[in-house]
C-alpha atoms as a PDB file:
ATOM      1  CA  MET A   1       3.473 -36.966 -31.057  1.00  0.00           C
ATOM      2  CA  TRP A   2       4.191 -36.959 -27.320  1.00  0.00           C
ATOM      3  CA  THR A   3       6.471 -34.027 -27.794  1.00  0.00           C
ATOM      4  CA  LEU A   4       3.767 -32.014 -29.477  1.00  0.00           C
ATOM      5  CA  ILE A   5       1.296 -32.814 -26.684  1.00  0.00           C
ATOM      6  CA  PHE A   6       3.905 -31.864 -24.099  1.00  0.00           C
ATOM      7  CA  ILE A   7       4.626 -28.551 -25.807  1.00  0.00           C
ATOM      8  CA  ILE A   8       0.944 -27.658 -26.128  1.00  0.00           C
ATOM      9  CA  LEU A   9       0.280 -28.463 -22.450  1.00  0.00           C
ATOM     10  CA  MET A  10       3.401 -26.604 -21.345  1.00  0.00           C
ATOM     11  CA  LEU A  11       2.337 -23.497 -23.265  1.00  0.00           C
ATOM     12  CA  ALA A  12      -1.114 -23.741 -21.716  1.00  0.00           C
ATOM     13  CA  VAL A  13       0.267 -23.864 -18.160  1.00  0.00           C
ATOM     14  CA  PHE A  14       2.970 -21.249 -18.637  1.00  0.00           C
ATOM     15  CA  GLY A  15       0.645 -19.084 -20.683  1.00  0.00           C
ATOM     16  CA  GLU A  16      -1.729 -18.956 -17.717  1.00  0.00           C
ATOM     17  CA  MET A  17       1.174 -18.113 -15.433  1.00  0.00           C
ATOM     18  CA  ILE A  18       2.323 -15.305 -17.738  1.00  0.00           C
ATOM     19  CA  GLY A  19      -1.201 -13.923 -17.786  1.00  0.00           C
ATOM     20  CA  PHE A  20      -1.335 -13.984 -13.992  1.00  0.00           C
ATOM     21  CA  ALA A  21       2.091 -12.321 -13.809  1.00  0.00           C
ATOM     22  CA  VAL A  22       0.977  -9.498 -16.105  1.00  0.00           C
ATOM     23  CA  LYS A  23      -2.180  -8.879 -14.036  1.00  0.00           C
ATOM     24  CA  ALA A  24      -0.110  -8.861 -10.817  1.00  0.00           C
ATOM     25  CA  ALA A  25       2.467  -6.506 -12.295  1.00  0.00           C
ATOM     26  CA  TRP A  26      -0.303  -4.154 -13.480  1.00  0.00           C
ATOM     27  CA  GLY A  27      -1.820  -4.155  -9.978  1.00  0.00           C
ATOM     28  CA  ILE A  28       1.498  -3.369  -8.338  1.00  0.00           C
ATOM     29  CA  THR A  29       2.091  -0.598 -10.887  1.00  0.00           C
ATOM     30  CA  LYS A  30      -1.284   1.008 -10.121  1.00  0.00           C
ATOM     31  CA  VAL A  31      -0.600   0.914  -6.375  1.00  0.00           C
ATOM     32  CA  LEU A  32       2.803   2.473  -6.864  1.00  0.00           C
ATOM     33  CA  LEU A  33       1.431   5.195  -9.169  1.00  0.00           C
ATOM     34  CA  TYR A  34      -1.523   6.166  -7.001  1.00  0.00           C
ATOM     35  CA  ILE A  35      -0.042   5.819  -3.520  1.00  0.00           C
ATOM     36  CA  VAL A  36       3.634   6.651  -4.035  1.00  0.00           C
ATOM     37  CA  PHE A  37       4.299   8.712  -7.136  1.00  0.00           C
ATOM     38  CA  LEU A  38       1.167  10.864  -7.386  1.00  0.00           C
ATOM     39  CA  PRO A  39       1.662  12.487  -3.941  1.00  0.00           C
ATOM     40  CA  ILE A  40       5.349  12.946  -4.620  1.00  0.00           C
ATOM     41  CA  ILE A  41       4.551  14.673  -7.927  1.00  0.00           C
ATOM     42  CA  LEU A  42       1.925  16.913  -6.291  1.00  0.00           C
ATOM     43  CA  ILE A  43       4.305  17.891  -3.511  1.00  0.00           C
ATOM     44  CA  GLY A  44       7.029  18.579  -6.066  1.00  0.00           C
ATOM     45  CA  LEU A  45       4.637  20.841  -8.011  1.00  0.00           C
ATOM     46  CA  VAL A  46       3.814  22.788  -4.839  1.00  0.00           C
ATOM     47  CA  PHE A  47       7.496  23.206  -3.911  1.00  0.00           C
ATOM     48  CA  ALA A  48       8.263  24.307  -7.452  1.00  0.00           C
ATOM     49  CA  GLY A  49       5.660  27.060  -7.146  1.00  0.00           C
ATOM     50  CA  LEU A  50       3.116  25.416  -9.427  1.00  0.00           C
ATOM     51  CA  VAL A  51       0.267  25.412  -6.969  1.00  0.00           C
ATOM     52  CA  TYR A  52      -2.070  26.576  -9.760  1.00  0.00           C
ATOM     53  CA  VAL A  53      -1.336  23.282 -11.508  1.00  0.00           C
ATOM     54  CA  ALA A  54      -1.317  21.001  -8.436  1.00  0.00           C
ATOM     55  CA  VAL A  55      -4.638  22.149  -6.945  1.00  0.00           C
ATOM     56  CA  PRO A  56      -6.768  21.442 -10.086  1.00  0.00           C
ATOM     57  CA  ILE A  57      -5.116  18.025 -10.472  1.00  0.00           C
ATOM     58  CA  LEU A  58      -5.863  17.261  -6.837  1.00  0.00           C
ATOM     59  CA  ALA A  59      -9.481  18.499  -7.244  1.00  0.00           C
ATOM     60  CA  ILE A  60     -10.025  16.333 -10.355  1.00  0.00           C
ATOM     61  CA  ILE A  61      -8.657  13.255  -8.600  1.00  0.00           C
ATOM     62  CA  GLY A  62     -10.885  14.007  -5.589  1.00  0.00           C
ATOM     63  CA  VAL A  63     -14.018  14.290  -7.734  1.00  0.00           C
ATOM     64  CA  ILE A  64     -13.227  11.034  -9.568  1.00  0.00           C
ATOM     65  CA  THR A  65     -12.671   9.305  -6.205  1.00  0.00           C
ATOM     66  CA  LEU A  66     -16.010  10.535  -4.879  1.00  0.00           C
ATOM     67  CA  ILE A  67     -17.844   9.419  -8.032  1.00  0.00           C
ATOM     68  CA  LYS A  68     -16.229   5.957  -7.791  1.00  0.00           C
ATOM     69  CA  ALA A  69     -17.151   5.744  -4.091  1.00  0.00           C
ATOM     70  CA  ILE A  70     -20.795   6.601  -4.843  1.00  0.00           C
ATOM     71  CA  LYS A  71     -21.040   4.018  -7.632  1.00  0.00           C
ATOM     72  CA  ALA A  72     -19.477   1.260  -5.557  1.00  0.00           C
END
């Protein structure tokens, strides 16, 4: 009986920690994607001669950022 209670409580504690870890990892992934990889990808597109692809992507991201700033 004590073992069952221990296992249930252990899963509750570590389940919460796993949930926190997933949220933290998702936050770090978003930061890396938006601040690191997106500019590198856009610069790579420009150097590859794909300005006609990079400019619309940059414009769409700019519009989305402005809309989010207005709503906040």
